[in-house]
Each structure stands twice: as structure tokens, then as C-alpha cells.
Amino acid sequence: MPNDSSTVPESALAKLGHTLYQRALVRREDEAITDPRGQPIGWLLDTRTPMLDGEVFEEAGAVLAERLRARGLYQVAGFGYGAFPIVTAVLAHGKPGQAFKGGFIRERRKAYGRRRLVEGPLDRSKPVALVDDILNSGRSAARAAALLRSDGFTVDGVVTLFNFTWSGGRARLEAEGLWVESLLELNLRESARAATSGDTA
């Protein structure tokens, strides 16, 4: 993909978003899946499947890195397993003199060793962007931002692969002063249809 995100054709971005979606979508008829309470659900998105594939990892990392570079941000942090491959994908796309730094946020400070809350070489004097796979309610991202801030970091915004538009996560984060950017916006009707018919959102 082109190095300047402003020159990436919308068709190419749409293709990447749909590739991520198609590869991440898991349907109930293909596999037994449940919600956090153990109740059966019709579909879910497992973004680790595409993001741990080298080809998709490379392409997604290039696009996300360019979007962050366009905002003048060179530090990224992730909270949870879904975010970890996204952090590393961005790190792989630094340029000479414009390398990215990454961090992994713990739920609580490690009780031994270096006793860190945020692992990695992040610089507290420079802003951080949160990266994640899915923006749903926004509670997880808000929690991650609060943890970073409690450890002395400044959080500017959130970049995700998908935004579930029906859940209000964007509004929650924007109310906290964060900008939000996603590769693909999904609404409930599109996603439900894709889960039952095989169409992409």
C-alpha cells in the first residue's frame, strides 16, 4: 500500500477492512460460541485470526502506521490480547528517524520485578495513541486510557480495526476528549446479516 495514508484509495482501505472482517467473522453454525455469561450467540469477530496472519498483519500495520504518522503520533499502547498484534504491526512500520514505540498495559501493576503497569519503552513526555481491535461500548478503551493516565502518560486518541456503531463507544471516548478512528464502521443490521447470510458488512 502507498506510504502516505492520504493517497491510499478508499477502495483499497475498504478491501482491507472487508478482508479483516471476513477472516475474523465466526458464526454459530461453524463453531460453538458464547457470550461472557456462557450463553450461545450467533456470531462474533475474532480479530486475532487475521492479525496473526503475516500478510494481513503487514497490510493492516502499514495503514495504521500511516494514520498515526499523519497525526504526528509515534507511541502506541494496547490493552488485552486483541490489541497486542496491532501494537506490533504498527511498530513494524516505522521509518528512519520516525520509529514507533509500543507498550502493553497491565490490568494492575506487576507485584515483582520492575513492578510496571505499562510494559515497554514508552516516553511519558510524548503523547500515546491507544490501539485495539474492536470498539464496542468503549469501556475497555476508557479503562486503558485511565490506566495510562494514572501512570503519567498523556493519551490523545484511539485507533481500532472495527467500530460497532450501535454501542456508543465513540461518543463515550470523545466525551473524554479522545479522537477515535476505525478502519471499518459496522452497524448491527449489516453485521447480523453477514453472520446469517455470509455477506460482508
C-alpha atoms as a PDB file:
ATOM      1  CA  MET A   1       0.000   0.000   0.000  1.00  0.00           C
ATOM      2  CA  PRO A   2       1.199   3.595  -0.512  1.00  0.00           C
ATOM      3  CA  ASN A   3       3.194   5.160   2.301  1.00  0.00           C
ATOM      4  CA  ASP A   4       1.083   8.323   2.533  1.00  0.00           C
ATOM      5  CA  SER A   5      -2.315   7.461   4.010  1.00  0.00           C
ATOM      6  CA  SER A   6      -3.878  10.392   2.166  1.00  0.00           C
ATOM      7  CA  THR A   7      -3.078   8.655  -1.127  1.00  0.00           C
ATOM      8  CA  VAL A   8      -4.477   5.256  -0.183  1.00  0.00           C
ATOM      9  CA  PRO A   9      -7.552   4.747  -2.381  1.00  0.00           C
ATOM     10  CA  GLU A  10     -10.795   4.272  -0.480  1.00  0.00           C
ATOM     11  CA  SER A  11     -11.273   1.054  -2.436  1.00  0.00           C
ATOM     12  CA  ALA A  12      -8.016  -0.309  -1.004  1.00  0.00           C
ATOM     13  CA  LEU A  13      -8.985   0.657   2.549  1.00  0.00           C
ATOM     14  CA  ALA A  14     -12.426  -0.884   2.052  1.00  0.00           C
ATOM     15  CA  LYS A  15     -10.842  -4.064   0.724  1.00  0.00           C
ATOM     16  CA  LEU A  16      -8.567  -4.310   3.755  1.00  0.00           C
ATOM     17  CA  GLY A  17     -11.492  -3.692   6.123  1.00  0.00           C
ATOM     18  CA  HIS A  18     -13.581  -6.366   4.453  1.00  0.00           C
ATOM     19  CA  THR A  19     -10.663  -8.822   4.444  1.00  0.00           C
ATOM     20  CA  LEU A  20     -10.246  -8.311   8.173  1.00  0.00           C
ATOM     21  CA  TYR A  21     -13.987  -8.714   8.691  1.00  0.00           C
ATOM     22  CA  GLN A  22     -14.350 -11.850   6.587  1.00  0.00           C
ATOM     23  CA  ARG A  23     -11.350 -13.508   8.222  1.00  0.00           C
ATOM     24  CA  ALA A  24     -12.444 -12.542  11.754  1.00  0.00           C
ATOM     25  CA  LEU A  25     -16.139 -13.482  11.498  1.00  0.00           C
ATOM     26  CA  VAL A  26     -17.103 -16.661  13.381  1.00  0.00           C
ATOM     27  CA  ARG A  27     -20.667 -17.991  13.038  1.00  0.00           C
ATOM     28  CA  ARG A  28     -22.597 -20.200  15.432  1.00  0.00           C
ATOM     29  CA  GLU A  29     -23.234 -22.821  12.743  1.00  0.00           C
ATOM     30  CA  ASP A  30     -19.473 -23.190  12.244  1.00  0.00           C
ATOM     31  CA  GLU A  31     -18.357 -23.252  15.862  1.00  0.00           C
ATOM     32  CA  ALA A  32     -19.910 -23.225  19.338  1.00  0.00           C
ATOM     33  CA  ILE A  33     -19.534 -19.640  20.606  1.00  0.00           C
ATOM     34  CA  THR A  34     -20.837 -17.939  23.733  1.00  0.00           C
ATOM     35  CA  ASP A  35     -21.051 -14.540  25.358  1.00  0.00           C
ATOM     36  CA  PRO A  36     -19.140 -13.730  28.602  1.00  0.00           C
ATOM     37  CA  ARG A  37     -22.003 -15.273  30.627  1.00  0.00           C
ATOM     38  CA  GLY A  38     -21.745 -18.562  28.734  1.00  0.00           C
ATOM     39  CA  GLN A  39     -24.906 -18.027  26.671  1.00  0.00           C
ATOM     40  CA  PRO A  40     -24.912 -19.078  22.971  1.00  0.00           C
ATOM     41  CA  ILE A  41     -24.537 -16.241  20.448  1.00  0.00           C
ATOM     42  CA  GLY A  42     -24.996 -16.081  16.675  1.00  0.00           C
ATOM     43  CA  TRP A  43     -21.644 -14.566  15.704  1.00  0.00           C
ATOM     44  CA  LEU A  44     -18.505 -12.833  16.907  1.00  0.00           C
ATOM     45  CA  LEU A  45     -15.365 -11.251  15.487  1.00  0.00           C
ATOM     46  CA  ASP A  46     -12.058 -12.890  16.422  1.00  0.00           C
ATOM     47  CA  THR A  47      -9.527 -10.415  15.046  1.00  0.00           C
ATOM     48  CA  ARG A  48      -6.558 -12.444  16.218  1.00  0.00           C
ATOM     49  CA  THR A  49      -7.178 -14.828  13.312  1.00  0.00           C
ATOM     50  CA  PRO A  50      -6.422 -12.269  10.562  1.00  0.00           C
ATOM     51  CA  MET A  51      -3.962 -10.169  12.587  1.00  0.00           C
ATOM     52  CA  LEU A  52      -1.726 -13.161  13.308  1.00  0.00           C
ATOM     53  CA  ASP A  53      -1.525 -13.941   9.591  1.00  0.00           C
ATOM     54  CA  GLY A  54       1.658 -12.353   8.255  1.00  0.00           C
ATOM     55  CA  GLU A  55       0.147 -10.904   5.073  1.00  0.00           C
ATOM     56  CA  VAL A  56      -2.807  -9.197   6.780  1.00  0.00           C
ATOM     57  CA  PHE A  57      -0.562  -8.159   9.710  1.00  0.00           C
ATOM     58  CA  GLU A  58       1.741  -6.383   7.241  1.00  0.00           C
ATOM     59  CA  GLU A  59      -1.026  -4.583   5.362  1.00  0.00           C
ATOM     60  CA  ALA A  60      -3.003  -3.504   8.427  1.00  0.00           C
ATOM     61  CA  GLY A  61       0.156  -2.342  10.180  1.00  0.00           C
ATOM     62  CA  ALA A  62       1.127  -0.166   7.198  1.00  0.00           C
ATOM     63  CA  VAL A  63      -2.271   1.561   7.078  1.00  0.00           C
ATOM     64  CA  LEU A  64      -2.483   2.130  10.832  1.00  0.00           C
ATOM     65  CA  ALA A  65       1.096   3.413  10.993  1.00  0.00           C
ATOM     66  CA  GLU A  66       0.402   5.960   8.273  1.00  0.00           C
ATOM     67  CA  ARG A  67      -2.741   7.181  10.008  1.00  0.00           C
ATOM     68  CA  LEU A  68      -0.827   7.666  13.248  1.00  0.00           C
ATOM     69  CA  ARG A  69       2.087   9.297  11.445  1.00  0.00           C
ATOM     70  CA  ALA A  70      -0.334  11.747   9.820  1.00  0.00           C
ATOM     71  CA  ARG A  71      -1.398  12.799  13.333  1.00  0.00           C
ATOM     72  CA  GLY A  72       2.215  13.168  14.477  1.00  0.00           C
ATOM     73  CA  LEU A  73       1.944  10.255  16.910  1.00  0.00           C
ATOM     74  CA  TYR A  74       4.729   7.717  17.342  1.00  0.00           C
ATOM     75  CA  GLN A  75       3.736   5.912  20.527  1.00  0.00           C
ATOM     76  CA  VAL A  76       1.068   3.208  20.724  1.00  0.00           C
ATOM     77  CA  ALA A  77      -0.229   1.129  23.595  1.00  0.00           C
ATOM     78  CA  GLY A  78      -2.613  -1.811  23.790  1.00  0.00           C
ATOM     79  CA  PHE A  79      -4.732  -3.396  26.498  1.00  0.00           C
ATOM     80  CA  GLY A  80      -5.577  -7.096  26.133  1.00  0.00           C
ATOM     81  CA  TYR A  81      -4.877  -9.879  23.666  1.00  0.00           C
ATOM     82  CA  GLY A  82      -6.824  -8.331  20.795  1.00  0.00           C
ATOM     83  CA  ALA A  83      -4.605  -5.233  20.879  1.00  0.00           C
ATOM     84  CA  PHE A  84      -1.204  -6.899  21.137  1.00  0.00           C
ATOM     85  CA  PRO A  85      -0.757  -7.892  17.461  1.00  0.00           C
ATOM     86  CA  ILE A  86      -1.965  -4.422  16.437  1.00  0.00           C
ATOM     87  CA  VAL A  87       0.723  -2.747  18.554  1.00  0.00           C
ATOM     88  CA  THR A  88       3.422  -4.910  16.995  1.00  0.00           C
ATOM     89  CA  ALA A  89       2.033  -4.440  13.468  1.00  0.00           C
ATOM     90  CA  VAL A  90       2.384  -0.663  13.855  1.00  0.00           C
ATOM     91  CA  LEU A  91       5.911  -0.987  15.289  1.00  0.00           C
ATOM     92  CA  ALA A  92       6.971  -2.870  12.162  1.00  0.00           C
ATOM     93  CA  HIS A  93       6.276   0.201  10.013  1.00  0.00           C
ATOM     94  CA  GLY A  94       8.496   2.901  11.416  1.00  0.00           C
ATOM     95  CA  LYS A  95      10.704   4.968   9.124  1.00  0.00           C
ATOM     96  CA  PRO A  96      14.269   6.244   9.647  1.00  0.00           C
ATOM     97  CA  GLY A  97      14.018   8.937  12.286  1.00  0.00           C
ATOM     98  CA  GLN A  98      10.313   8.143  12.788  1.00  0.00           C
ATOM     99  CA  ALA A  99      10.343   4.860  14.662  1.00  0.00           C
ATOM    100  CA  PHE A 100       7.321   3.901  16.734  1.00  0.00           C
ATOM    101  CA  LYS A 101       7.461   2.876  20.373  1.00  0.00           C
ATOM    102  CA  GLY A 102       4.954   0.467  21.876  1.00  0.00           C
ATOM    103  CA  GLY A 103       3.581  -0.530  25.234  1.00  0.00           C
ATOM    104  CA  PHE A 104       1.356  -3.197  26.746  1.00  0.00           C
ATOM    105  CA  ILE A 105      -0.933  -2.119  29.575  1.00  0.00           C
ATOM    106  CA  ARG A 106      -1.467  -4.411  32.555  1.00  0.00           C
ATOM    107  CA  GLU A 107      -4.744  -4.615  34.446  1.00  0.00           C
ATOM    108  CA  ARG A 108      -2.747  -3.918  37.609  1.00  0.00           C
ATOM    109  CA  ARG A 109       0.863  -3.159  38.400  1.00  0.00           C
ATOM    110  CA  LYS A 110       3.100  -6.218  38.452  1.00  0.00           C
ATOM    111  CA  ALA A 111       3.862  -7.137  42.056  1.00  0.00           C
ATOM    112  CA  TYR A 112       7.517  -8.056  41.498  1.00  0.00           C
ATOM    113  CA  GLY A 113      10.452  -7.442  39.157  1.00  0.00           C
ATOM    114  CA  ARG A 114      10.230  -3.930  37.719  1.00  0.00           C
ATOM    115  CA  ARG A 115       6.668  -3.644  39.075  1.00  0.00           C
ATOM    116  CA  ARG A 116       5.411  -1.889  35.960  1.00  0.00           C
ATOM    117  CA  LEU A 117       1.858  -1.047  34.981  1.00  0.00           C
ATOM    118  CA  VAL A 118       2.873  -0.355  31.369  1.00  0.00           C
ATOM    119  CA  GLU A 119       5.469  -2.606  29.758  1.00  0.00           C
ATOM    120  CA  GLY A 120       7.713  -1.213  27.054  1.00  0.00           C
ATOM    121  CA  PRO A 121       9.840   1.860  26.255  1.00  0.00           C
ATOM    122  CA  LEU A 122       7.071   4.496  26.123  1.00  0.00           C
ATOM    123  CA  ASP A 123       8.145   8.064  26.889  1.00  0.00           C
ATOM    124  CA  ARG A 124       5.883   9.919  29.355  1.00  0.00           C
ATOM    125  CA  SER A 125       6.810  13.264  27.798  1.00  0.00           C
ATOM    126  CA  LYS A 126       5.162  12.320  24.481  1.00  0.00           C
ATOM    127  CA  PRO A 127       1.505  11.508  23.698  1.00  0.00           C
ATOM    128  CA  VAL A 128       0.229   7.953  23.235  1.00  0.00           C
ATOM    129  CA  ALA A 129      -2.469   6.531  20.975  1.00  0.00           C
ATOM    130  CA  LEU A 130      -4.406   3.508  22.146  1.00  0.00           C
ATOM    131  CA  VAL A 131      -4.846   0.770  19.551  1.00  0.00           C
ATOM    132  CA  ASP A 132      -7.411  -2.018  19.765  1.00  0.00           C
ATOM    133  CA  ASP A 133      -9.267  -4.454  17.581  1.00  0.00           C
ATOM    134  CA  ILE A 134     -12.914  -3.576  18.271  1.00  0.00           C
ATOM    135  CA  LEU A 135     -14.640  -0.520  19.715  1.00  0.00           C
ATOM    136  CA  ASN A 136     -17.922  -1.611  21.250  1.00  0.00           C
ATOM    137  CA  SER A 137     -19.137   0.112  24.419  1.00  0.00           C
ATOM    138  CA  GLY A 138     -15.841   1.956  24.846  1.00  0.00           C
ATOM    139  CA  ARG A 139     -15.478   0.815  28.460  1.00  0.00           C
ATOM    140  CA  SER A 140     -12.299  -1.186  27.827  1.00  0.00           C
ATOM    141  CA  ALA A 141     -10.646   1.687  25.960  1.00  0.00           C
ATOM    142  CA  ALA A 142     -11.711   4.145  28.658  1.00  0.00           C
ATOM    143  CA  ARG A 143     -10.224   1.825  31.286  1.00  0.00           C
ATOM    144  CA  ALA A 144      -6.973   1.564  29.303  1.00  0.00           C
ATOM    145  CA  ALA A 145      -6.777   5.348  28.968  1.00  0.00           C
ATOM    146  CA  ALA A 146      -7.352   5.736  32.711  1.00  0.00           C
ATOM    147  CA  LEU A 147      -4.586   3.237  33.484  1.00  0.00           C
ATOM    148  CA  LEU A 148      -2.153   5.046  31.192  1.00  0.00           C
ATOM    149  CA  ARG A 149      -3.014   8.406  32.692  1.00  0.00           C
ATOM    150  CA  SER A 150      -2.621   7.032  36.213  1.00  0.00           C
ATOM    151  CA  ASP A 151       0.930   6.063  35.237  1.00  0.00           C
ATOM    152  CA  GLY A 152       1.789   9.538  33.993  1.00  0.00           C
ATOM    153  CA  PHE A 153       1.065   9.234  30.265  1.00  0.00           C
ATOM    154  CA  THR A 154      -0.938  11.561  28.015  1.00  0.00           C
ATOM    155  CA  VAL A 155      -3.477   9.768  25.799  1.00  0.00           C
ATOM    156  CA  ASP A 156      -4.530  11.545  22.606  1.00  0.00           C
ATOM    157  CA  GLY A 157      -6.841   9.113  20.833  1.00  0.00           C
ATOM    158  CA  VAL A 158      -7.914   5.594  19.928  1.00  0.00           C
ATOM    159  CA  VAL A 159      -7.411   3.651  16.688  1.00  0.00           C
ATOM    160  CA  THR A 160      -9.350   0.424  16.115  1.00  0.00           C
ATOM    161  CA  LEU A 161      -9.913  -2.054  13.328  1.00  0.00           C
ATOM    162  CA  PHE A 162     -13.707  -2.036  13.797  1.00  0.00           C
ATOM    163  CA  ASN A 163     -16.264   0.246  15.403  1.00  0.00           C
ATOM    164  CA  PHE A 164     -19.665  -1.196  16.347  1.00  0.00           C
ATOM    165  CA  THR A 165     -21.653   1.964  15.701  1.00  0.00           C
ATOM    166  CA  TRP A 166     -24.710   0.861  17.695  1.00  0.00           C
ATOM    167  CA  SER A 167     -22.936   0.705  21.054  1.00  0.00           C
ATOM    168  CA  GLY A 168     -21.983   4.322  21.655  1.00  0.00           C
ATOM    169  CA  GLY A 169     -18.306   3.668  22.272  1.00  0.00           C
ATOM    170  CA  ARG A 170     -17.136   6.530  20.072  1.00  0.00           C
ATOM    171  CA  ALA A 171     -19.327   9.034  21.923  1.00  0.00           C
ATOM    172  CA  ARG A 172     -18.075   7.743  25.289  1.00  0.00           C
ATOM    173  CA  LEU A 173     -14.429   8.232  24.308  1.00  0.00           C
ATOM    174  CA  GLU A 174     -14.960  11.554  22.568  1.00  0.00           C
ATOM    175  CA  ALA A 175     -16.644  12.804  25.731  1.00  0.00           C
ATOM    176  CA  GLU A 176     -13.339  12.076  27.471  1.00  0.00           C
ATOM    177  CA  GLY A 177     -11.510  14.261  24.964  1.00  0.00           C
ATOM    178  CA  LEU A 178     -10.144  11.449  22.772  1.00  0.00           C
ATOM    179  CA  TRP A 179     -10.357  11.333  18.991  1.00  0.00           C
ATOM    180  CA  VAL A 180     -11.459   7.996  17.545  1.00  0.00           C
ATOM    181  CA  GLU A 181     -10.601   6.430  14.194  1.00  0.00           C
ATOM    182  CA  SER A 182     -11.575   2.981  12.861  1.00  0.00           C
ATOM    183  CA  LEU A 183     -10.783   1.147   9.643  1.00  0.00           C
ATOM    184  CA  LEU A 184     -14.329  -0.172   9.278  1.00  0.00           C
ATOM    185  CA  GLU A 185     -17.619   1.047  10.740  1.00  0.00           C
ATOM    186  CA  LEU A 186     -20.126  -1.731  11.401  1.00  0.00           C
ATOM    187  CA  ASN A 187     -23.800  -1.370  12.225  1.00  0.00           C
ATOM    188  CA  LEU A 188     -25.997  -4.001  13.840  1.00  0.00           C
ATOM    189  CA  ARG A 189     -28.145  -4.707  10.786  1.00  0.00           C
ATOM    190  CA  GLU A 190     -25.139  -5.224   8.482  1.00  0.00           C
ATOM    191  CA  SER A 191     -23.309  -7.438  10.941  1.00  0.00           C
ATOM    192  CA  ALA A 192     -26.332  -9.576  11.757  1.00  0.00           C
ATOM    193  CA  ARG A 193     -26.997 -10.067   8.053  1.00  0.00           C
ATOM    194  CA  ALA A 194     -23.387 -11.038   7.417  1.00  0.00           C
ATOM    195  CA  ALA A 195     -23.486 -13.575  10.219  1.00  0.00           C
ATOM    196  CA  THR A 196     -26.547 -15.273   8.790  1.00  0.00           C
ATOM    197  CA  SER A 197     -26.059 -14.940   5.036  1.00  0.00           C
ATOM    198  CA  GLY A 198     -22.316 -14.723   4.514  1.00  0.00           C
ATOM    199  CA  ASP A 199     -22.441 -11.179   3.118  1.00  0.00           C
ATOM    200  CA  THR A 200     -19.748  -8.730   4.234  1.00  0.00           C
ATOM    201  CA  ALA A 201     -20.637  -5.670   6.279  1.00  0.00           C
END
